[in-house]
Amino acid sequence: MKRLDEKLDRIRSGHYQRTDFIIADAKDADMSFGAAVAGPELDEDGAPTGRMKTLQAYRDDMLRVIESDLVDIMLTSVSGAEFLAARHALDDSPITQAIRVNDSSDIWNPRGANYKHLPAAPFRTARLDRVRPLADLGLYAISFYNDLAIDLDTLERYAEFRDDAAAVGLRHFLEVFNPQFAVDTHGADFADYNNDAIVRCLAGVATADRPIFLKAVYNGPRSTEALAGFDPANLIVGILGGAAGTTRDTLELVQQAERHGARVALFGRKVYFAEHSVEILRAMRLVIEEDITSEEATRVYHDSLAKLGIRPKRPLADDLEITEAVLQEDMR
């Protein structure tokens, strides 16, 4: 049994401890950003060269994170999973391989793209018969728009996926994005609408076909507590990371989310675009497992960078700022 399944068993049984908090490294962004996935190449002074790093740079970071053993899940594209399988990177590891199995248009982010301003069009690149030999866990993503035609199509495609996944023996977790533009919920708070839409869409799904946990946007303390507390044995809530932000943003997000009932964090850019992916993951473990503040953990992170001879992207004073509005709600 992988470490993920041991932790899920304890969470479902009501015996959760902070050491059971699940962290995933989301290295599936090649299905979103294309050739820009690894970010800009920098010269020795830290200035952009005008070129992008290669895919190998992105994959090398997967291997560093796996070697650190600080995560429970390594989420990749099919091609990323094939890379890891060819190197037997996870053969003897307690880390679970997961694969993104759909790529609706709201994650299409080529340079100059306009897709994020439009409702997500459901789409699947990955063939599940190719996924299953590489992993027994997939990520399926949806968004709700309070639009009957769009949401009906989304849910019908999700139902088709569940049938296809059952046929090949693939379990999954469900990612629920917030729309990237304002949605009219007729006076109700969007987070309440979204919580209701999530619960409603899973109410008719049998246990064998349900997601093993959710990956959703952190919409603040109240909505996270409401969703996490609704049916904690059967609906385990996880949070996604979003944009890179400051180090304090990253650490405060994971700390707040856990405090309000989330049991999983799945971060991509907040890990990869940190100065050192392994050290930011170590800091995340600190704020969860040792209950130190996000401010203190940010200072520890900067100390680690100094010991490694790595120049931080921001001065410590700037990196201690909480810049994400949703996180400031819990600081008042």
C-alpha atoms as a PDB file:
ATOM      1  CA  MET A   1       0.000   0.000   0.000  1.00  0.00           C
ATOM      2  CA  LYS A   2       1.311   3.447  -0.937  1.00  0.00           C
ATOM      3  CA  ARG A   3       1.554   6.215   1.656  1.00  0.00           C
ATOM      4  CA  LEU A   4      -1.366   8.056   0.041  1.00  0.00           C
ATOM      5  CA  ASP A   5      -3.738   5.166   0.694  1.00  0.00           C
ATOM      6  CA  GLU A   6      -2.571   4.770   4.275  1.00  0.00           C
ATOM      7  CA  LYS A   7      -3.263   8.452   4.896  1.00  0.00           C
ATOM      8  CA  LEU A   8      -6.664   8.324   3.180  1.00  0.00           C
ATOM      9  CA  ASP A   9      -7.651   5.360   5.338  1.00  0.00           C
ATOM     10  CA  ARG A  10      -6.843   7.286   8.512  1.00  0.00           C
ATOM     11  CA  ILE A  11      -8.627  10.416   7.288  1.00  0.00           C
ATOM     12  CA  ARG A  12     -11.785   8.490   6.375  1.00  0.00           C
ATOM     13  CA  SER A  13     -11.804   6.621   9.683  1.00  0.00           C
ATOM     14  CA  GLY A  14     -11.731   9.879  11.661  1.00  0.00           C
ATOM     15  CA  HIS A  15      -8.182   9.349  12.962  1.00  0.00           C
ATOM     16  CA  TYR A  16      -6.553  12.199  11.036  1.00  0.00           C
ATOM     17  CA  GLN A  17      -3.384  13.729  12.455  1.00  0.00           C
ATOM     18  CA  ARG A  18      -1.373  16.526  10.885  1.00  0.00           C
ATOM     19  CA  THR A  19       1.227  14.060   9.653  1.00  0.00           C
ATOM     20  CA  ASP A  20      -1.561  12.579   7.493  1.00  0.00           C
ATOM     21  CA  PHE A  21      -1.896  15.779   5.456  1.00  0.00           C
ATOM     22  CA  ILE A  22      -1.394  14.888   1.781  1.00  0.00           C
ATOM     23  CA  ILE A  23       0.814  16.964  -0.511  1.00  0.00           C
ATOM     24  CA  ALA A  24       0.935  16.518  -4.281  1.00  0.00           C
ATOM     25  CA  ASP A  25       3.445  18.039  -6.663  1.00  0.00           C
ATOM     26  CA  ALA A  26       1.449  19.051  -9.741  1.00  0.00           C
ATOM     27  CA  LYS A  27       3.897  18.628 -12.623  1.00  0.00           C
ATOM     28  CA  ASP A  28       1.206  18.409 -15.319  1.00  0.00           C
ATOM     29  CA  ALA A  29       1.498  21.963 -16.637  1.00  0.00           C
ATOM     30  CA  ASP A  30       2.837  20.849 -20.022  1.00  0.00           C
ATOM     31  CA  MET A  31      -0.868  20.216 -20.741  1.00  0.00           C
ATOM     32  CA  SER A  32      -1.502  23.884 -20.013  1.00  0.00           C
ATOM     33  CA  PHE A  33       1.483  26.062 -20.919  1.00  0.00           C
ATOM     34  CA  GLY A  34       3.022  24.017 -23.713  1.00  0.00           C
ATOM     35  CA  ALA A  35       6.621  24.919 -24.551  1.00  0.00           C
ATOM     36  CA  ALA A  36       6.610  27.634 -21.861  1.00  0.00           C
ATOM     37  CA  VAL A  37       6.025  25.092 -19.090  1.00  0.00           C
ATOM     38  CA  ALA A  38       9.533  25.222 -17.624  1.00  0.00           C
ATOM     39  CA  GLY A  39       9.600  29.015 -17.480  1.00  0.00           C
ATOM     40  CA  PRO A  40      12.102  31.567 -18.754  1.00  0.00           C
ATOM     41  CA  GLU A  41      15.785  30.782 -18.923  1.00  0.00           C
ATOM     42  CA  LEU A  42      17.862  33.085 -16.737  1.00  0.00           C
ATOM     43  CA  ASP A  43      21.488  34.098 -17.027  1.00  0.00           C
ATOM     44  CA  GLU A  44      23.996  33.925 -14.158  1.00  0.00           C
ATOM     45  CA  ASP A  45      22.778  37.319 -12.908  1.00  0.00           C
ATOM     46  CA  GLY A  46      19.169  36.166 -12.812  1.00  0.00           C
ATOM     47  CA  ALA A  47      18.100  38.158 -15.879  1.00  0.00           C
ATOM     48  CA  PRO A  48      15.891  36.559 -18.599  1.00  0.00           C
ATOM     49  CA  THR A  49      17.785  35.474 -21.716  1.00  0.00           C
ATOM     50  CA  GLY A  50      14.690  35.623 -23.931  1.00  0.00           C
ATOM     51  CA  ARG A  51      14.570  31.843 -24.215  1.00  0.00           C
ATOM     52  CA  MET A  52      12.498  29.247 -22.379  1.00  0.00           C
ATOM     53  CA  LYS A  53      13.975  26.398 -20.376  1.00  0.00           C
ATOM     54  CA  THR A  54      13.629  22.966 -21.930  1.00  0.00           C
ATOM     55  CA  LEU A  55      11.211  20.238 -20.916  1.00  0.00           C
ATOM     56  CA  GLN A  56      14.118  18.363 -19.360  1.00  0.00           C
ATOM     57  CA  ALA A  57      14.513  21.128 -16.778  1.00  0.00           C
ATOM     58  CA  TYR A  58      10.885  20.583 -15.742  1.00  0.00           C
ATOM     59  CA  ARG A  59      11.354  16.829 -15.576  1.00  0.00           C
ATOM     60  CA  ASP A  60      14.592  17.113 -13.645  1.00  0.00           C
ATOM     61  CA  ASP A  61      12.585  18.887 -10.956  1.00  0.00           C
ATOM     62  CA  MET A  62      10.177  15.944 -10.819  1.00  0.00           C
ATOM     63  CA  LEU A  63      13.128  13.699 -10.024  1.00  0.00           C
ATOM     64  CA  ARG A  64      14.416  16.068  -7.324  1.00  0.00           C
ATOM     65  CA  VAL A  65      11.014  16.142  -5.639  1.00  0.00           C
ATOM     66  CA  ILE A  66      10.665  12.357  -5.810  1.00  0.00           C
ATOM     67  CA  GLU A  67      14.112  11.921  -4.287  1.00  0.00           C
ATOM     68  CA  SER A  68      13.162  14.259  -1.409  1.00  0.00           C
ATOM     69  CA  ASP A  69      10.189  12.031  -0.471  1.00  0.00           C
ATOM     70  CA  LEU A  70       8.297  15.106   0.767  1.00  0.00           C
ATOM     71  CA  VAL A  71       5.193  14.529  -1.361  1.00  0.00           C
ATOM     72  CA  ASP A  72       2.606  11.773  -1.473  1.00  0.00           C
ATOM     73  CA  ILE A  73       1.529  12.199  -5.111  1.00  0.00           C
ATOM     74  CA  MET A  74       3.415  13.092  -8.283  1.00  0.00           C
ATOM     75  CA  LEU A  75       0.852  14.380 -10.792  1.00  0.00           C
ATOM     76  CA  THR A  76       2.004  14.504 -14.425  1.00  0.00           C
ATOM     77  CA  SER A  77       0.785  14.277 -17.989  1.00  0.00           C
ATOM     78  CA  VAL A  78       0.865  10.880 -19.719  1.00  0.00           C
ATOM     79  CA  SER A  79       4.170  11.791 -21.340  1.00  0.00           C
ATOM     80  CA  GLY A  80       5.572  12.847 -17.971  1.00  0.00           C
ATOM     81  CA  ALA A  81       4.510   9.527 -16.453  1.00  0.00           C
ATOM     82  CA  GLU A  82       6.168   7.663 -19.319  1.00  0.00           C
ATOM     83  CA  PHE A  83       9.381   9.582 -18.604  1.00  0.00           C
ATOM     84  CA  LEU A  84       9.267   8.567 -14.931  1.00  0.00           C
ATOM     85  CA  ALA A  85       8.347   4.965 -15.741  1.00  0.00           C
ATOM     86  CA  ALA A  86      11.262   4.616 -18.177  1.00  0.00           C
ATOM     87  CA  ARG A  87      13.603   5.653 -15.364  1.00  0.00           C
ATOM     88  CA  HIS A  88      11.829   3.484 -12.755  1.00  0.00           C
ATOM     89  CA  ALA A  89      11.664   6.650 -10.649  1.00  0.00           C
ATOM     90  CA  LEU A  90       8.664   5.528  -8.596  1.00  0.00           C
ATOM     91  CA  ASP A  91       9.163   1.751  -8.629  1.00  0.00           C
ATOM     92  CA  ASP A  92      10.256   1.476  -4.996  1.00  0.00           C
ATOM     93  CA  SER A  93       8.820   4.778  -3.844  1.00  0.00           C
ATOM     94  CA  PRO A  94       5.938   5.371  -1.414  1.00  0.00           C
ATOM     95  CA  ILE A  95       4.854   8.212  -3.723  1.00  0.00           C
ATOM     96  CA  THR A  96       1.799   7.590  -5.929  1.00  0.00           C
ATOM     97  CA  GLN A  97       1.873   8.380  -9.641  1.00  0.00           C
ATOM     98  CA  ALA A  98      -1.200  10.289 -10.821  1.00  0.00           C
ATOM     99  CA  ILE A  99      -1.997  11.462 -14.355  1.00  0.00           C
ATOM    100  CA  ARG A 100      -4.136  14.331 -15.635  1.00  0.00           C
ATOM    101  CA  VAL A 101      -6.732  12.601 -17.764  1.00  0.00           C
ATOM    102  CA  ASN A 102      -8.621  15.571 -19.202  1.00  0.00           C
ATOM    103  CA  ASP A 103      -7.557  18.971 -20.418  1.00  0.00           C
ATOM    104  CA  SER A 104     -10.607  21.163 -20.880  1.00  0.00           C
ATOM    105  CA  SER A 105      -9.981  24.465 -22.614  1.00  0.00           C
ATOM    106  CA  ASP A 106      -9.867  26.533 -19.420  1.00  0.00           C
ATOM    107  CA  ILE A 107      -6.335  25.232 -18.794  1.00  0.00           C
ATOM    108  CA  TRP A 108      -5.119  25.952 -22.343  1.00  0.00           C
ATOM    109  CA  ASN A 109      -2.580  28.706 -21.702  1.00  0.00           C
ATOM    110  CA  PRO A 110      -0.297  29.113 -24.721  1.00  0.00           C
ATOM    111  CA  ARG A 111       1.337  32.521 -24.923  1.00  0.00           C
ATOM    112  CA  GLY A 112      -1.210  34.913 -26.420  1.00  0.00           C
ATOM    113  CA  ALA A 113      -4.160  32.565 -25.848  1.00  0.00           C
ATOM    114  CA  ASN A 114      -7.671  33.867 -25.095  1.00  0.00           C
ATOM    115  CA  TYR A 115      -9.274  30.600 -23.932  1.00  0.00           C
ATOM    116  CA  LYS A 116      -9.450  31.472 -20.237  1.00  0.00           C
ATOM    117  CA  HIS A 117     -11.939  34.257 -20.997  1.00  0.00           C
ATOM    118  CA  LEU A 118     -14.413  31.685 -22.348  1.00  0.00           C
ATOM    119  CA  PRO A 119     -16.315  28.859 -20.633  1.00  0.00           C
ATOM    120  CA  ALA A 120     -14.387  25.599 -20.534  1.00  0.00           C
ATOM    121  CA  ALA A 121     -14.990  23.252 -23.452  1.00  0.00           C
ATOM    122  CA  PRO A 122     -14.700  19.625 -22.194  1.00  0.00           C
ATOM    123  CA  PHE A 123     -11.894  17.721 -23.882  1.00  0.00           C
ATOM    124  CA  ARG A 124      -9.693  14.674 -23.247  1.00  0.00           C
ATOM    125  CA  THR A 125      -6.326  14.117 -24.896  1.00  0.00           C
ATOM    126  CA  ALA A 126      -5.302  11.125 -22.788  1.00  0.00           C
ATOM    127  CA  ARG A 127      -6.500   7.614 -23.697  1.00  0.00           C
ATOM    128  CA  LEU A 128      -7.341   5.738 -20.521  1.00  0.00           C
ATOM    129  CA  ASP A 129      -6.018   2.455 -21.902  1.00  0.00           C
ATOM    130  CA  ARG A 130      -2.620   4.212 -22.165  1.00  0.00           C
ATOM    131  CA  VAL A 131      -2.992   5.804 -18.733  1.00  0.00           C
ATOM    132  CA  ARG A 132      -3.797   2.631 -16.806  1.00  0.00           C
ATOM    133  CA  PRO A 133      -0.475   0.784 -17.335  1.00  0.00           C
ATOM    134  CA  LEU A 134       1.291   3.850 -15.924  1.00  0.00           C
ATOM    135  CA  ALA A 135      -0.973   4.690 -12.966  1.00  0.00           C
ATOM    136  CA  ASP A 136      -4.150   3.682 -11.179  1.00  0.00           C
ATOM    137  CA  LEU A 137      -5.040   7.294 -10.287  1.00  0.00           C
ATOM    138  CA  GLY A 138      -6.179  10.054 -12.610  1.00  0.00           C
ATOM    139  CA  LEU A 139      -7.177  13.692 -12.223  1.00  0.00           C
ATOM    140  CA  TYR A 140     -10.392  14.865 -13.895  1.00  0.00           C
ATOM    141  CA  ALA A 141     -11.220  18.592 -13.870  1.00  0.00           C
ATOM    142  CA  ILE A 142     -14.501  20.486 -14.236  1.00  0.00           C
ATOM    143  CA  SER A 143     -15.895  24.001 -13.709  1.00  0.00           C
ATOM    144  CA  PHE A 144     -19.439  25.149 -12.956  1.00  0.00           C
ATOM    145  CA  TYR A 145     -20.853  28.251 -14.679  1.00  0.00           C
ATOM    146  CA  ASN A 146     -24.520  28.339 -13.544  1.00  0.00           C
ATOM    147  CA  ASP A 147     -25.401  27.882 -17.208  1.00  0.00           C
ATOM    148  CA  LEU A 148     -27.661  24.904 -17.896  1.00  0.00           C
ATOM    149  CA  ALA A 149     -26.315  23.949 -21.316  1.00  0.00           C
ATOM    150  CA  ILE A 150     -22.653  24.297 -20.354  1.00  0.00           C
ATOM    151  CA  ASP A 151     -22.985  22.551 -16.989  1.00  0.00           C
ATOM    152  CA  LEU A 152     -25.096  19.736 -18.414  1.00  0.00           C
ATOM    153  CA  ASP A 153     -22.500  19.057 -21.094  1.00  0.00           C
ATOM    154  CA  THR A 154     -19.738  19.139 -18.454  1.00  0.00           C
ATOM    155  CA  LEU A 155     -21.548  16.636 -16.231  1.00  0.00           C
ATOM    156  CA  GLU A 156     -22.400  14.309 -19.122  1.00  0.00           C
ATOM    157  CA  ARG A 157     -18.729  14.235 -20.122  1.00  0.00           C
ATOM    158  CA  TYR A 158     -17.758  13.559 -16.515  1.00  0.00           C
ATOM    159  CA  ALA A 159     -20.244  10.662 -16.401  1.00  0.00           C
ATOM    160  CA  GLU A 160     -18.717   9.249 -19.593  1.00  0.00           C
ATOM    161  CA  PHE A 161     -15.288   9.487 -18.036  1.00  0.00           C
ATOM    162  CA  ARG A 162     -16.406   7.614 -14.921  1.00  0.00           C
ATOM    163  CA  ASP A 163     -17.748   4.793 -17.101  1.00  0.00           C
ATOM    164  CA  ASP A 164     -14.514   4.636 -19.071  1.00  0.00           C
ATOM    165  CA  ALA A 165     -12.432   4.754 -15.888  1.00  0.00           C
ATOM    166  CA  ALA A 166     -14.420   1.912 -14.325  1.00  0.00           C
ATOM    167  CA  ALA A 167     -13.859  -0.190 -17.451  1.00  0.00           C
ATOM    168  CA  VAL A 168     -10.063   0.032 -17.117  1.00  0.00           C
ATOM    169  CA  GLY A 169      -9.870   0.035 -13.306  1.00  0.00           C
ATOM    170  CA  LEU A 170      -8.805   3.661 -12.888  1.00  0.00           C
ATOM    171  CA  ARG A 171      -9.717   5.634  -9.781  1.00  0.00           C
ATOM    172  CA  HIS A 172      -9.663   9.418  -9.820  1.00  0.00           C
ATOM    173  CA  PHE A 173      -9.758  12.651  -7.876  1.00  0.00           C
ATOM    174  CA  LEU A 174     -11.890  15.575  -9.006  1.00  0.00           C
ATOM    175  CA  GLU A 175     -10.581  19.083  -9.599  1.00  0.00           C
ATOM    176  CA  VAL A 176     -13.138  21.889  -9.513  1.00  0.00           C
ATOM    177  CA  PHE A 177     -11.877  25.193 -10.853  1.00  0.00           C
ATOM    178  CA  ASN A 178     -13.517  28.530 -10.231  1.00  0.00           C
ATOM    179  CA  PRO A 179     -14.518  30.097 -13.562  1.00  0.00           C
ATOM    180  CA  GLN A 180     -11.939  32.637 -14.673  1.00  0.00           C
ATOM    181  CA  PHE A 181     -14.577  35.324 -15.079  1.00  0.00           C
ATOM    182  CA  ALA A 182     -17.530  36.456 -12.969  1.00  0.00           C
ATOM    183  CA  VAL A 183     -20.530  34.113 -12.867  1.00  0.00           C
ATOM    184  CA  ASP A 184     -24.000  35.373 -11.921  1.00  0.00           C
ATOM    185  CA  THR A 185     -25.302  33.417  -8.918  1.00  0.00           C
ATOM    186  CA  HIS A 186     -28.309  35.722  -8.419  1.00  0.00           C
ATOM    187  CA  GLY A 187     -27.303  37.179  -5.082  1.00  0.00           C
ATOM    188  CA  ALA A 188     -25.865  33.998  -3.557  1.00  0.00           C
ATOM    189  CA  ASP A 189     -22.178  33.851  -2.727  1.00  0.00           C
ATOM    190  CA  PHE A 190     -20.309  32.042  -5.521  1.00  0.00           C
ATOM    191  CA  ALA A 191     -18.504  29.813  -3.016  1.00  0.00           C
ATOM    192  CA  ASP A 192     -21.872  28.606  -1.668  1.00  0.00           C
ATOM    193  CA  TYR A 193     -23.123  27.946  -5.199  1.00  0.00           C
ATOM    194  CA  ASN A 194     -19.928  26.059  -6.006  1.00  0.00           C
ATOM    195  CA  ASN A 195     -20.116  23.937  -2.844  1.00  0.00           C
ATOM    196  CA  ASP A 196     -23.710  23.020  -3.624  1.00  0.00           C
ATOM    197  CA  ALA A 197     -22.843  22.195  -7.238  1.00  0.00           C
ATOM    198  CA  ILE A 198     -20.022  19.876  -6.124  1.00  0.00           C
ATOM    199  CA  VAL A 199     -22.153  17.998  -3.605  1.00  0.00           C
ATOM    200  CA  ARG A 200     -25.094  17.789  -5.996  1.00  0.00           C
ATOM    201  CA  CYS A 201     -23.015  16.407  -8.851  1.00  0.00           C
ATOM    202  CA  LEU A 202     -21.656  13.592  -6.658  1.00  0.00           C
ATOM    203  CA  ALA A 203     -24.847  12.684  -4.768  1.00  0.00           C
ATOM    204  CA  GLY A 204     -25.928  10.177  -7.401  1.00  0.00           C
ATOM    205  CA  VAL A 205     -22.480   8.617  -7.823  1.00  0.00           C
ATOM    206  CA  ALA A 206     -21.886   5.218  -6.205  1.00  0.00           C
ATOM    207  CA  THR A 207     -18.948   4.810  -3.834  1.00  0.00           C
ATOM    208  CA  ALA A 208     -17.002   2.732  -6.361  1.00  0.00           C
ATOM    209  CA  ASP A 209     -17.104   5.594  -8.875  1.00  0.00           C
ATOM    210  CA  ARG A 210     -16.659   8.603  -6.581  1.00  0.00           C
ATOM    211  CA  PRO A 211     -13.468  10.668  -6.545  1.00  0.00           C
ATOM    212  CA  ILE A 212     -11.132   9.690  -3.715  1.00  0.00           C
ATOM    213  CA  PHE A 213     -10.799  13.392  -2.857  1.00  0.00           C
ATOM    214  CA  LEU A 214     -11.431  16.856  -4.283  1.00  0.00           C
ATOM    215  CA  LYS A 215      -8.982  19.447  -5.586  1.00  0.00           C
ATOM    216  CA  ALA A 216     -10.657  22.850  -5.422  1.00  0.00           C
ATOM    217  CA  VAL A 217      -9.901  26.548  -5.114  1.00  0.00           C
ATOM    218  CA  TYR A 218      -9.562  27.851  -1.566  1.00  0.00           C
ATOM    219  CA  ASN A 219     -12.551  30.180  -1.430  1.00  0.00           C
ATOM    220  CA  GLY A 220     -11.966  31.262   2.139  1.00  0.00           C
ATOM    221  CA  PRO A 221     -12.413  29.870   5.655  1.00  0.00           C
ATOM    222  CA  ARG A 222     -16.209  29.709   5.769  1.00  0.00           C
ATOM    223  CA  SER A 223     -16.764  27.878   2.494  1.00  0.00           C
ATOM    224  CA  THR A 224     -13.845  25.498   3.081  1.00  0.00           C
ATOM    225  CA  GLU A 225     -15.149  24.554   6.523  1.00  0.00           C
ATOM    226  CA  ALA A 226     -18.648  24.052   5.132  1.00  0.00           C
ATOM    227  CA  LEU A 227     -17.529  21.727   2.338  1.00  0.00           C
ATOM    228  CA  ALA A 228     -14.929  19.847   4.394  1.00  0.00           C
ATOM    229  CA  GLY A 229     -17.368  19.329   7.253  1.00  0.00           C
ATOM    230  CA  PHE A 230     -20.344  18.241   5.145  1.00  0.00           C
ATOM    231  CA  ASP A 231     -19.408  14.548   4.752  1.00  0.00           C
ATOM    232  CA  PRO A 232     -15.777  14.179   5.866  1.00  0.00           C
ATOM    233  CA  ALA A 233     -15.639  10.393   5.553  1.00  0.00           C
ATOM    234  CA  ASN A 234     -16.707  10.440   1.899  1.00  0.00           C
ATOM    235  CA  LEU A 235     -15.795  13.898   0.610  1.00  0.00           C
ATOM    236  CA  ILE A 236     -12.187  14.737   1.442  1.00  0.00           C
ATOM    237  CA  VAL A 237     -11.342  18.290   0.427  1.00  0.00           C
ATOM    238  CA  GLY A 238      -8.053  19.334  -1.127  1.00  0.00           C
ATOM    239  CA  ILE A 239      -6.921  22.737  -2.380  1.00  0.00           C
ATOM    240  CA  LEU A 240      -5.118  23.818  -5.513  1.00  0.00           C
ATOM    241  CA  GLY A 241      -2.359  26.380  -5.499  1.00  0.00           C
ATOM    242  CA  GLY A 242      -2.964  28.806  -8.356  1.00  0.00           C
ATOM    243  CA  ALA A 243      -0.435  31.517  -9.189  1.00  0.00           C
ATOM    244  CA  ALA A 244       3.029  31.515  -7.632  1.00  0.00           C
ATOM    245  CA  GLY A 245       2.640  34.487  -5.223  1.00  0.00           C
ATOM    246  CA  THR A 246       4.999  35.148  -2.317  1.00  0.00           C
ATOM    247  CA  THR A 247       6.475  32.425  -0.139  1.00  0.00           C
ATOM    248  CA  ARG A 248       4.249  33.632   2.707  1.00  0.00           C
ATOM    249  CA  ASP A 249       1.211  33.275   0.411  1.00  0.00           C
ATOM    250  CA  THR A 250       2.119  29.648  -0.278  1.00  0.00           C
ATOM    251  CA  LEU A 251       2.665  28.741   3.355  1.00  0.00           C
ATOM    252  CA  GLU A 252      -0.308  30.694   4.679  1.00  0.00           C
ATOM    253  CA  LEU A 253      -2.564  29.039   2.099  1.00  0.00           C
ATOM    254  CA  VAL A 254      -1.658  25.517   3.121  1.00  0.00           C
ATOM    255  CA  GLN A 255      -1.845  26.388   6.822  1.00  0.00           C
ATOM    256  CA  GLN A 256      -5.227  28.109   6.576  1.00  0.00           C
ATOM    257  CA  ALA A 257      -6.697  25.399   4.392  1.00  0.00           C
ATOM    258  CA  GLU A 258      -5.646  22.627   6.794  1.00  0.00           C
ATOM    259  CA  ARG A 259      -6.974  24.576   9.781  1.00  0.00           C
ATOM    260  CA  HIS A 260     -10.358  24.886   8.084  1.00  0.00           C
ATOM    261  CA  GLY A 261     -10.662  21.213   7.132  1.00  0.00           C
ATOM    262  CA  ALA A 262      -8.709  20.609   3.926  1.00  0.00           C
ATOM    263  CA  ARG A 263      -6.613  17.442   4.021  1.00  0.00           C
ATOM    264  CA  VAL A 264      -4.789  17.700   0.679  1.00  0.00           C
ATOM    265  CA  ALA A 265      -2.726  20.384  -1.084  1.00  0.00           C
ATOM    266  CA  LEU A 266      -1.918  20.053  -4.779  1.00  0.00           C
ATOM    267  CA  PHE A 267       0.484  22.796  -5.800  1.00  0.00           C
ATOM    268  CA  GLY A 268       2.158  23.305  -9.167  1.00  0.00           C
ATOM    269  CA  ARG A 269       3.497  26.797  -9.800  1.00  0.00           C
ATOM    270  CA  LYS A 270       3.830  27.507  -6.069  1.00  0.00           C
ATOM    271  CA  VAL A 271       6.342  24.654  -5.912  1.00  0.00           C
ATOM    272  CA  TYR A 272       8.079  24.724  -9.277  1.00  0.00           C
ATOM    273  CA  PHE A 273       8.533  28.505  -9.454  1.00  0.00           C
ATOM    274  CA  ALA A 274       9.820  28.792  -5.911  1.00  0.00           C
ATOM    275  CA  GLU A 275      13.567  29.294  -5.703  1.00  0.00           C
ATOM    276  CA  HIS A 276      13.968  25.682  -4.576  1.00  0.00           C
ATOM    277  CA  SER A 277      11.101  23.223  -4.931  1.00  0.00           C
ATOM    278  CA  VAL A 278      12.351  20.817  -2.265  1.00  0.00           C
ATOM    279  CA  GLU A 279      12.858  23.559   0.328  1.00  0.00           C
ATOM    280  CA  ILE A 280       9.397  25.069  -0.221  1.00  0.00           C
ATOM    281  CA  LEU A 281       7.888  21.602   0.223  1.00  0.00           C
ATOM    282  CA  ARG A 282       9.913  21.196   3.409  1.00  0.00           C
ATOM    283  CA  ALA A 283       8.522  24.532   4.636  1.00  0.00           C
ATOM    284  CA  MET A 284       4.984  23.373   3.814  1.00  0.00           C
ATOM    285  CA  ARG A 285       5.544  20.291   5.962  1.00  0.00           C
ATOM    286  CA  LEU A 286       6.769  22.546   8.769  1.00  0.00           C
ATOM    287  CA  VAL A 287       3.631  24.697   8.913  1.00  0.00           C
ATOM    288  CA  ILE A 288       1.379  21.624   8.829  1.00  0.00           C
ATOM    289  CA  GLU A 289       3.198  19.078  10.940  1.00  0.00           C
ATOM    290  CA  GLU A 290       5.003  21.326  13.432  1.00  0.00           C
ATOM    291  CA  ASP A 291       2.382  24.098  13.518  1.00  0.00           C
ATOM    292  CA  ILE A 292       4.826  26.961  13.165  1.00  0.00           C
ATOM    293  CA  THR A 293       3.463  30.161  11.661  1.00  0.00           C
ATOM    294  CA  SER A 294       3.708  30.942   7.973  1.00  0.00           C
ATOM    295  CA  GLU A 295       5.840  33.960   8.905  1.00  0.00           C
ATOM    296  CA  GLU A 296       8.318  31.834  10.820  1.00  0.00           C
ATOM    297  CA  ALA A 297       8.403  29.195   8.073  1.00  0.00           C
ATOM    298  CA  THR A 298       9.128  31.887   5.481  1.00  0.00           C
ATOM    299  CA  ARG A 299      12.135  32.973   7.529  1.00  0.00           C
ATOM    300  CA  VAL A 300      13.289  29.342   7.788  1.00  0.00           C
ATOM    301  CA  TYR A 301      12.914  29.010   4.012  1.00  0.00           C
ATOM    302  CA  HIS A 302      15.082  32.084   3.402  1.00  0.00           C
ATOM    303  CA  ASP A 303      17.694  30.727   5.798  1.00  0.00           C
ATOM    304  CA  SER A 304      17.720  27.486   3.788  1.00  0.00           C
ATOM    305  CA  LEU A 305      18.218  29.394   0.544  1.00  0.00           C
ATOM    306  CA  ALA A 306      21.141  31.277   2.081  1.00  0.00           C
ATOM    307  CA  LYS A 307      22.791  28.017   3.165  1.00  0.00           C
ATOM    308  CA  LEU A 308      22.384  26.672  -0.382  1.00  0.00           C
ATOM    309  CA  GLY A 309      23.832  29.842  -1.905  1.00  0.00           C
ATOM    310  CA  ILE A 310      20.580  30.647  -3.723  1.00  0.00           C
ATOM    311  CA  ARG A 311      19.567  34.274  -4.208  1.00  0.00           C
ATOM    312  CA  PRO A 312      15.870  34.777  -3.304  1.00  0.00           C
ATOM    313  CA  LYS A 313      13.581  36.368  -5.872  1.00  0.00           C
ATOM    314  CA  ARG A 314      12.365  38.897  -3.292  1.00  0.00           C
ATOM    315  CA  PRO A 315      13.886  40.489  -0.205  1.00  0.00           C
ATOM    316  CA  LEU A 316      12.661  38.788   2.954  1.00  0.00           C
ATOM    317  CA  ALA A 317      10.470  41.754   3.900  1.00  0.00           C
ATOM    318  CA  ASP A 318       8.621  41.526   0.579  1.00  0.00           C
ATOM    319  CA  ASP A 319       8.384  37.732   0.736  1.00  0.00           C
ATOM    320  CA  LEU A 320       6.738  37.985   4.163  1.00  0.00           C
ATOM    321  CA  GLU A 321       3.791  39.853   2.638  1.00  0.00           C
ATOM    322  CA  ILE A 322       0.427  38.146   2.218  1.00  0.00           C
ATOM    323  CA  THR A 323      -0.786  39.399  -1.148  1.00  0.00           C
ATOM    324  CA  GLU A 324      -3.734  37.095  -1.919  1.00  0.00           C
ATOM    325  CA  ALA A 325      -7.007  38.704  -0.826  1.00  0.00           C
ATOM    326  CA  VAL A 326      -8.695  35.443   0.147  1.00  0.00           C
ATOM    327  CA  LEU A 327      -5.918  34.750   2.664  1.00  0.00           C
ATOM    328  CA  GLN A 328      -6.296  38.156   4.272  1.00  0.00           C
ATOM    329  CA  GLU A 329      -9.847  37.250   5.379  1.00  0.00           C
ATOM    330  CA  ASP A 330      -8.460  34.930   8.033  1.00  0.00           C
ATOM    331  CA  MET A 331      -5.888  37.465   9.241  1.00  0.00           C
ATOM    332  CA  ARG A 332      -8.422  40.079  10.381  1.00  0.00           C
END
